[in-house]
Protein backbone atom coordinates (compact mmCIF):
# COMPACT_ATOMS: atom_id res chain seq x y z
CA UNK A 1 12.06 -11.47 -29.74
CA UNK A 2 11.21 -10.68 -26.12
CA UNK A 3 14.89 -10.25 -25.23
CA UNK A 4 15.45 -7.97 -28.23
CA UNK A 5 12.57 -5.73 -27.17
CA UNK A 6 13.77 -5.84 -23.58
CA UNK A 7 17.34 -4.78 -24.25
CA UNK A 8 16.24 -2.05 -26.67
CA UNK A 9 14.36 -0.34 -23.84
CA UNK A 10 16.03 1.74 -21.15
CA UNK A 11 16.66 0.04 -17.84
CA UNK A 12 14.58 2.45 -15.77
CA UNK A 13 11.52 1.60 -17.89
CA UNK A 14 11.85 -2.07 -17.01
CA UNK A 15 12.38 -1.43 -13.32
CA UNK A 16 9.31 0.84 -13.36
CA UNK A 17 7.11 -1.74 -15.10
CA UNK A 18 8.25 -4.61 -12.87
CA UNK A 19 7.94 -2.62 -9.65
CA UNK A 20 4.51 -1.28 -10.59
CA UNK A 21 3.09 -4.70 -11.46
CA UNK A 22 4.63 -6.36 -8.40
CA UNK A 23 3.17 -3.62 -6.19
CA UNK A 24 -0.23 -4.00 -7.88
CA UNK A 25 -0.14 -7.72 -7.09
CA UNK A 26 0.90 -6.92 -3.53
CA UNK A 27 -2.12 -4.69 -2.94
CA UNK A 28 -4.40 -7.08 -4.82
CA UNK A 29 -3.48 -9.82 -2.34
CA UNK A 30 -3.66 -7.50 0.65
CA UNK A 31 -7.26 -6.43 -0.02
CA UNK A 32 -8.66 -9.47 -1.81
CA UNK A 33 -10.07 -11.13 1.29
CA UNK A 34 -12.08 -8.04 2.33
CA UNK A 35 -14.63 -8.92 -0.37
CA UNK A 36 -15.44 -12.40 0.92
CA UNK A 37 -15.94 -12.04 4.67
CA UNK A 38 -19.03 -14.36 4.54
CA UNK A 39 -16.78 -17.12 3.15
CA UNK A 40 -14.35 -16.83 6.07
CA UNK A 41 -17.26 -16.59 8.49
CA UNK A 42 -18.83 -19.78 7.18
CA UNK A 43 -15.68 -21.82 6.48
CA UNK A 44 -13.46 -20.86 9.42
CA UNK A 45 -15.98 -19.49 11.95
CA UNK A 46 -14.50 -15.96 11.96
CA UNK A 47 -16.54 -13.07 13.29
CA UNK A 48 -15.92 -9.50 12.21
CA UNK A 49 -13.34 -8.90 14.92
CA UNK A 50 -11.28 -12.03 14.21
CA UNK A 51 -11.54 -11.27 10.50
CA UNK A 52 -10.12 -7.79 11.12
CA UNK A 53 -7.21 -9.48 12.95
CA UNK A 54 -6.66 -11.72 9.91
CA UNK A 55 -6.54 -8.62 7.70
CA UNK A 56 -4.27 -6.86 10.18
CA UNK A 57 -1.83 -9.79 10.26
CA UNK A 58 -0.85 -8.92 6.70
CA UNK A 59 0.06 -5.38 7.76
CA UNK A 60 1.84 -6.53 10.91
CA UNK A 61 3.93 -8.89 8.82
CA UNK A 62 4.78 -6.00 6.49
CA UNK A 63 6.48 -4.10 9.31
CA UNK A 64 8.75 -7.08 10.02
CA UNK A 65 9.43 -7.72 6.34
CA UNK A 66 10.10 -4.06 5.62
CA UNK A 67 12.65 -3.89 8.42
CA UNK A 68 14.55 -7.11 7.73
CA UNK A 69 14.41 -7.11 3.94
CA UNK A 70 14.94 -3.35 3.72
CA UNK A 71 18.32 -3.72 5.39
CA UNK A 72 19.05 -6.82 3.30
CA UNK A 73 18.26 -4.87 0.12
CA UNK A 74 20.78 -2.22 1.15
CA UNK A 75 23.42 -4.96 1.47
CA UNK A 76 22.81 -7.40 -1.39
CA UNK A 77 20.80 -5.24 -3.79
CA UNK A 78 17.18 -4.56 -4.63
CA UNK A 79 16.67 -7.10 -7.41
CA UNK A 80 16.94 -10.35 -5.40
CA UNK A 81 14.81 -8.95 -2.59
CA UNK A 82 12.17 -7.84 -5.11
CA UNK A 83 12.02 -11.38 -6.52
CA UNK A 84 11.92 -12.99 -3.05
CA UNK A 85 9.15 -10.67 -1.87
CA UNK A 86 6.96 -11.07 -4.94
CA UNK A 87 7.24 -14.85 -5.11
CA UNK A 88 6.74 -15.12 -1.34
CA UNK A 89 3.50 -13.15 -1.06
CA UNK A 90 2.04 -14.89 -4.15
CA UNK A 91 2.86 -18.38 -2.85
CA UNK A 92 1.39 -17.70 0.57
CA UNK A 93 -1.75 -16.35 -1.10
CA UNK A 94 -2.01 -19.74 -2.79
CA UNK A 95 -1.74 -21.45 0.60
CA UNK A 96 -4.23 -19.03 2.14
CA UNK A 97 -6.80 -19.81 -0.56
CA UNK A 98 -6.76 -23.51 0.36
CA UNK A 99 -5.91 -23.32 4.07
CA UNK A 100 -7.30 -26.49 5.71
CA UNK A 101 -7.85 -24.84 9.10
CA UNK A 102 -7.91 -21.46 10.80
CA UNK A 103 -4.37 -21.81 12.22
CA UNK A 104 -2.79 -22.22 8.79
CA UNK A 105 -5.01 -19.41 7.52
CA UNK A 106 -3.58 -16.93 10.03
CA UNK A 107 0.02 -18.15 9.66
CA UNK A 108 -0.25 -17.86 5.88
CA UNK A 109 -1.52 -14.31 6.14
CA UNK A 110 1.22 -13.27 8.54
CA UNK A 111 4.02 -14.76 6.42
CA UNK A 112 2.46 -13.28 3.32
CA UNK A 113 2.68 -9.87 4.97
CA UNK A 114 6.41 -10.31 5.62
CA UNK A 115 7.06 -10.88 1.93
CA UNK A 116 4.75 -8.00 1.00
CA UNK A 117 6.99 -5.73 3.06
CA UNK A 118 10.04 -7.08 1.22
CA UNK A 119 8.51 -6.43 -2.20
CA UNK A 120 7.54 -2.82 -1.56
CA UNK A 121 10.88 -1.96 0.00
CA UNK A 122 12.93 -3.28 -2.91
CA UNK A 123 10.56 -2.39 -5.75
CA UNK A 124 10.00 1.25 -4.91
CA UNK A 125 13.68 1.92 -4.24
CA UNK A 126 15.01 0.19 -7.36
CA UNK A 127 12.62 2.17 -9.55
CA UNK A 128 13.58 5.42 -7.83
CA UNK A 129 17.31 4.75 -8.11
CA UNK A 130 17.16 3.77 -11.78
CA UNK A 131 15.04 6.78 -12.77
CA UNK A 132 16.63 9.87 -14.37
CA UNK A 133 16.79 12.84 -12.00
CA UNK A 134 14.13 14.77 -13.93
CA UNK A 135 11.70 11.83 -13.78
CA UNK A 136 12.07 10.57 -10.22
CA UNK A 137 8.77 12.09 -9.11
CA UNK A 138 6.64 10.66 -11.90
CA UNK A 139 8.43 7.29 -11.74
CA UNK A 140 7.65 7.07 -8.02
CA UNK A 141 4.05 8.03 -8.80
CA UNK A 142 3.77 5.39 -11.52
CA UNK A 143 5.10 2.69 -9.19
CA UNK A 144 2.69 3.69 -6.43
CA UNK A 145 -0.16 3.74 -8.98
CA UNK A 146 0.14 -0.01 -8.70
CA UNK A 147 -1.81 0.45 -5.46
CA UNK A 148 -4.82 1.77 -7.34
CA UNK A 149 -4.38 -0.73 -10.16
CA UNK A 150 -4.23 -3.64 -7.73
CA UNK A 151 -7.28 -2.54 -5.80
CA UNK A 152 -9.19 -1.79 -9.00
CA UNK A 153 -8.48 -5.29 -10.27
CA UNK A 154 -9.92 -6.78 -7.07
CA UNK A 155 -13.19 -4.99 -7.86
CA UNK A 156 -13.48 -6.22 -11.44
CA UNK A 157 -12.33 -9.74 -10.49
CA UNK A 158 -14.97 -9.81 -7.77
CA UNK A 159 -17.62 -9.01 -10.36
CA UNK A 160 -16.36 -11.84 -12.60
CA UNK A 161 -15.57 -14.69 -10.17
CA UNK A 162 -16.66 -13.45 -6.74
CA UNK A 163 -19.35 -16.11 -6.60
CA UNK A 164 -16.58 -18.71 -6.11
CA UNK A 165 -14.53 -17.43 -3.13
CA UNK A 166 -11.69 -19.95 -3.39
CA UNK A 167 -11.11 -19.23 -7.08
CA UNK A 168 -11.36 -15.53 -6.28
CA UNK A 169 -8.66 -15.88 -3.60
CA UNK A 170 -6.57 -18.12 -5.86
CA UNK A 171 -6.18 -15.33 -8.43
CA UNK A 172 -3.85 -13.65 -5.92
CA UNK A 173 -1.07 -16.07 -6.89
CA UNK A 174 -0.83 -14.67 -10.45
CA UNK A 175 2.13 -12.31 -9.69
CA UNK A 176 4.33 -15.42 -9.93
CA UNK A 177 4.31 -14.84 -13.71
CA UNK A 178 6.48 -11.74 -13.14
CA UNK A 179 9.50 -13.77 -12.00
CA UNK A 180 10.94 -14.52 -15.48
CA UNK A 181 10.79 -10.80 -16.29
CA UNK A 182 12.62 -9.95 -13.06
CA UNK A 183 15.50 -12.27 -13.99
CA UNK A 184 16.31 -10.01 -16.93
CA UNK A 185 16.40 -6.85 -14.80
CA UNK A 186 19.82 -5.30 -14.19
CA UNK A 187 20.67 -4.28 -10.65
CA UNK A 188 20.84 -0.61 -9.77
CA UNK A 189 24.39 0.68 -9.36
CA UNK A 190 23.37 2.60 -6.24
CA UNK A 191 22.11 -0.29 -4.15
CA UNK A 192 25.20 -1.48 -2.28
CA UNK A 193 27.23 -0.26 0.66
CA UNK A 194 29.90 2.40 -0.02
CA UNK A 195 30.13 3.32 3.67
CA UNK A 196 29.00 1.91 6.97
CA UNK A 197 25.94 3.92 8.03
CA UNK A 198 25.25 5.12 11.56
CA UNK A 199 21.53 4.47 11.77
CA UNK A 200 20.82 6.22 15.06
CA UNK A 201 21.51 9.61 13.46
CA UNK A 202 18.56 9.12 11.10
CA UNK A 203 16.03 8.43 13.88
CA UNK A 204 14.46 11.91 13.87
CA UNK A 205 13.85 11.77 10.12
CA UNK A 206 12.57 8.20 10.40
CA UNK A 207 10.07 9.23 13.08
CA UNK A 208 8.70 12.07 10.94
CA UNK A 209 8.34 9.80 7.92
CA UNK A 210 6.73 7.05 10.00
CA UNK A 211 4.27 9.52 11.52
CA UNK A 212 3.17 10.70 8.10
CA UNK A 213 2.92 7.22 6.63
CA UNK A 214 1.02 5.96 9.67
CA UNK A 215 -1.49 8.74 9.16
CA UNK A 216 -1.87 7.87 5.49
CA UNK A 217 -2.36 4.17 6.19
CA UNK A 218 -4.94 4.77 8.92
CA UNK A 219 -6.83 7.29 6.76
CA UNK A 220 -6.88 4.87 3.84
CA UNK A 221 -7.58 1.57 5.59
CA UNK A 222 -10.17 3.07 7.93
CA UNK A 223 -12.25 3.70 4.82
CA UNK A 224 -11.25 1.05 2.28
CA UNK A 225 -10.49 -1.72 4.76
CA UNK A 226 -14.13 -1.50 5.88
CA UNK A 227 -15.91 -0.08 2.85
CA UNK A 228 -17.34 -3.37 1.61
CA UNK A 229 -19.04 -3.83 5.00
CA UNK A 230 -20.32 -0.23 5.03
CA UNK A 231 -21.57 -0.55 1.46
CA UNK A 232 -23.42 -3.83 1.94
CA UNK A 233 -24.71 -3.57 5.52
CA UNK A 234 -25.14 0.19 5.98
CA UNK A 235 -25.93 1.45 2.47
CA UNK A 236 -27.36 -1.84 1.13
CA UNK A 237 -25.33 -1.51 -2.06
CA UNK A 238 -25.43 -4.38 -4.54
CA UNK A 239 -22.30 -6.49 -5.10
CA UNK A 240 -21.98 -5.51 -8.78
CA UNK A 241 -22.32 -1.80 -7.95
CA UNK A 242 -19.76 -2.19 -5.17
CA UNK A 243 -17.25 -3.96 -7.40
CA UNK A 244 -17.58 -1.38 -10.17
CA UNK A 245 -17.37 1.54 -7.71
CA UNK A 246 -14.12 0.24 -6.22
CA UNK A 247 -12.77 -0.45 -9.70
CA UNK A 248 -13.52 3.10 -10.91
CA UNK A 249 -12.36 4.72 -7.65
CA UNK A 250 -9.03 2.95 -7.72
CA UNK A 251 -8.39 3.56 -11.39
CA UNK A 252 -8.85 7.21 -10.40
CA UNK A 253 -6.40 6.62 -7.54
CA UNK A 254 -3.83 5.17 -9.96
CA UNK A 255 -4.19 8.19 -12.26
CA UNK A 256 -3.90 10.48 -9.25
CA UNK A 257 -0.67 8.79 -8.13
CA UNK A 258 0.86 9.47 -11.53
CA UNK A 259 -0.47 13.03 -11.64
CA UNK A 260 0.87 13.92 -8.19
CA UNK A 261 4.17 12.24 -9.05
CA UNK A 262 4.52 14.27 -12.25
CA UNK A 263 3.63 17.50 -10.48
CA UNK A 264 6.20 16.66 -7.80
CA UNK A 265 8.95 17.09 -10.42
CA UNK A 266 7.82 20.71 -10.86
CA UNK A 267 5.96 21.83 -7.72
CA UNK A 268 6.93 21.77 -4.05
CA UNK A 269 5.93 18.36 -2.69
CA UNK A 270 4.72 19.71 0.64
CA UNK A 271 2.24 22.01 -1.12
CA UNK A 272 0.92 19.07 -3.12
CA UNK A 273 0.42 17.07 0.07
CA UNK A 274 -1.57 19.94 1.57
CA UNK A 275 -3.83 19.91 -1.52
CA UNK A 276 -4.42 16.16 -1.16
CA UNK A 277 -5.15 16.50 2.56
CA UNK A 278 -7.82 19.14 1.86
CA UNK A 279 -9.48 16.71 -0.56
CA UNK A 280 -9.50 13.99 2.11
CA UNK A 281 -10.97 16.30 4.74
CA UNK A 282 -13.81 17.36 2.46
CA UNK A 283 -14.71 13.94 1.05
CA UNK A 284 -14.37 11.66 4.12
CA UNK A 285 -17.80 12.35 5.71
CA UNK A 286 -19.43 11.72 2.33
CA UNK A 287 -17.48 8.57 1.41
CA UNK A 288 -18.50 7.02 4.75
CA UNK A 289 -21.67 9.09 5.04
CA UNK A 290 -22.67 10.60 8.36
CA UNK A 291 -25.27 13.00 6.90
CA UNK A 292 -27.27 10.74 4.57
CA UNK A 293 -27.49 7.14 3.43
CA UNK A 294 -27.88 8.04 -0.24
CA UNK A 295 -25.72 5.61 -2.22
CA UNK A 296 -24.85 8.18 -4.88
CA UNK A 297 -23.44 10.54 -2.21
CA UNK A 298 -21.15 7.80 -0.93
CA UNK A 299 -20.12 6.89 -4.47
CA UNK A 300 -19.07 10.44 -5.29
CA UNK A 301 -17.38 10.90 -1.91
CA UNK A 302 -15.51 7.60 -2.31
CA UNK A 303 -14.20 8.53 -5.75
CA UNK A 304 -13.01 11.95 -4.52
CA UNK A 305 -11.46 10.40 -1.41
CA UNK A 306 -9.58 7.82 -3.49
CA UNK A 307 -8.34 10.47 -5.94
CA UNK A 308 -7.22 12.77 -3.11
CA UNK A 309 -5.09 9.95 -1.71
CA UNK A 310 -2.87 10.35 -4.76
CA UNK A 311 -0.36 12.41 -2.77
CA UNK A 312 0.64 9.20 -0.94
CA UNK A 313 3.85 8.54 -3.00
CA UNK A 314 5.22 11.97 -2.10
CA UNK A 315 6.12 10.94 1.44
CA UNK A 316 8.40 8.07 0.33
CA UNK A 317 9.80 10.46 -2.28
CA UNK A 318 10.61 13.08 0.37
CA UNK A 319 12.38 10.44 2.43
CA UNK A 320 14.30 9.01 -0.56
CA UNK A 321 15.57 12.51 -1.39
CA UNK A 322 16.67 13.14 2.19
CA UNK A 323 18.83 10.04 2.75
CA UNK A 324 21.68 8.32 0.86
CA UNK A 325 21.23 5.02 -0.96
CA UNK A 326 23.10 3.08 1.74
CA UNK A 327 20.21 3.51 4.20
CA UNK A 328 17.37 4.15 1.74
CA UNK A 329 16.03 0.61 1.67
CA UNK A 330 15.93 0.18 5.44
CA UNK A 331 14.48 3.61 6.26
CA UNK A 332 11.92 3.46 3.46
CA UNK A 333 10.89 -0.06 4.41
CA UNK A 334 10.67 0.70 8.10
CA UNK A 335 8.67 3.92 7.82
CA UNK A 336 6.27 2.63 5.20
CA UNK A 337 5.60 -0.74 6.78
CA UNK A 338 5.44 0.51 10.37
CA UNK A 339 2.84 2.86 8.97
CA UNK A 340 1.09 -0.21 7.61
CA UNK A 341 1.31 -1.85 11.03
CA UNK A 342 -0.39 1.16 12.63
CA UNK A 343 -3.02 1.00 9.90
CA UNK A 344 -3.55 -2.69 10.62
CA UNK A 345 -3.95 -2.12 14.35
CA UNK A 346 -6.45 0.67 13.73
CA UNK A 347 -8.42 -1.64 11.46
CA UNK A 348 -8.52 -4.30 14.20
CA UNK A 349 -9.87 -1.69 16.63
CA UNK A 350 -12.55 -0.75 14.09
CA UNK A 351 -13.46 -4.41 13.73
CA UNK A 352 -13.85 -4.68 17.50
CA UNK A 353 -16.09 -1.60 17.53
CA UNK A 354 -18.27 -3.08 14.80
CA UNK A 355 -18.52 -6.39 16.69
CA UNK A 356 -19.34 -4.91 20.10
CA UNK A 357 -21.64 -2.12 19.00
CA UNK A 358 -23.36 -1.46 15.68
CA UNK A 359 -22.76 -0.52 12.07
CA UNK A 360 -23.64 3.08 12.98
CA UNK A 361 -20.87 3.08 15.58
CA UNK A 362 -18.47 1.79 12.92
CA UNK A 363 -19.39 4.67 10.60
CA UNK A 364 -18.72 7.22 13.35
CA UNK A 365 -15.46 5.49 14.34
CA UNK A 366 -14.19 5.45 10.75
CA UNK A 367 -14.73 9.19 10.46
CA UNK A 368 -13.03 9.81 13.80
CA UNK A 369 -10.04 7.65 12.88
CA UNK A 370 -9.86 9.23 9.43
CA UNK A 371 -9.82 12.84 10.62
CA UNK A 372 -7.30 12.01 13.36
CA UNK A 373 -5.02 10.28 10.85
CA UNK A 374 -5.15 13.21 8.44
CA UNK A 375 -4.04 15.44 11.32
CA UNK A 376 -0.98 13.17 11.78
CA UNK A 377 -0.05 13.67 8.13
CA UNK A 378 -0.27 17.45 8.55
CA UNK A 379 1.97 17.40 11.64
CA UNK A 380 4.54 15.29 9.81
CA UNK A 381 4.68 17.60 6.79
CA UNK A 382 4.81 20.77 8.87
CA UNK A 383 7.78 19.33 10.80
CA UNK A 384 9.57 17.94 7.72
CA UNK A 385 13.09 19.43 7.18
CA UNK A 386 13.48 21.88 4.30
CA UNK A 387 16.74 20.51 2.93
CA UNK A 388 16.59 18.23 -0.14
CA UNK A 389 20.22 17.11 -0.01
CA UNK A 390 20.90 13.61 1.41
CA UNK A 391 22.92 13.77 4.62
CA UNK A 392 25.66 11.13 4.73
CA UNK A 393 26.47 10.19 8.32
CA UNK A 394 29.46 7.86 8.64
CA UNK A 395 29.93 5.29 11.34
CA UNK A 396 32.84 5.77 13.68
């Protein structure tokens, strides 16, 4: 029965569903540990700074995984890399949940990040390549909505089982159930070499994309990589309220991803990014409040900030439109995951600031990092080339 239903559906629908769910699991595992810092503090002796390094290891690993597996996906196809990435990050989450010592904890997180980079690179590209031309924007938005879905699920899971940190961390291995579904997925016809690319000629475009994605990662992780600490220690928000707020905010983010993706099929993508950036600029000082400690102000600001981040998928979409399929996996993986690396480093710096100074200094630093990162996004979009036609550059 399952196979009958599967084969009666169009291929791009399956690639969209699989990629979205795998990406949701990816983000779920990335952010899961931010809820249970006291567990890592008590069990492994981590302070806030070393914990921020643990979090950052996942993003550092992504940059390596995005580079290696992105190029591999261009050679052997997206499907096997998608399966390798998803199974890899889920298995290392399982090891992380029961790490016997701090060394294995950090190694598990780093290796998990490598496979996270593999999953995003293959999943996003296979969905984009299988999508009809008129639906590429909304398909990309749906896949990236997995970010909001994954983060939202961390919030609701925290409310349900957050009192048992190991079980809470163990839930991050659930994406393994996607593997049988992936076996039935047909490979995209576009994901193999038809010419030998000359990568150096794409460097300028890669730098612009990386600049924009770095700005988006820093802007996002500066807030949401530290929000549980801000909420509990600065605003004195209850755990149930925090979990529900992050659930609602990230459901809004998922809806926003889809909305921006749909609009991108009809409206200039650069204009949409400008709209999202304005929303970030307005809501940032309220999400991480510098004017008042009223919880309701932060709640409203956080929901607006999360929704405004919905333009995020448009940068990978701009890049995918600008390059041929033979280099799409590598360039997409590199730019996105180097952006994640920059976001991880910035989060480590914020952890150091919180450790050396005070929670008030962390609030100020988050706002500074956030506004600076949004400026990077603006520079990237202003400098982005106007052409939408992929430039094929052959190797000599």
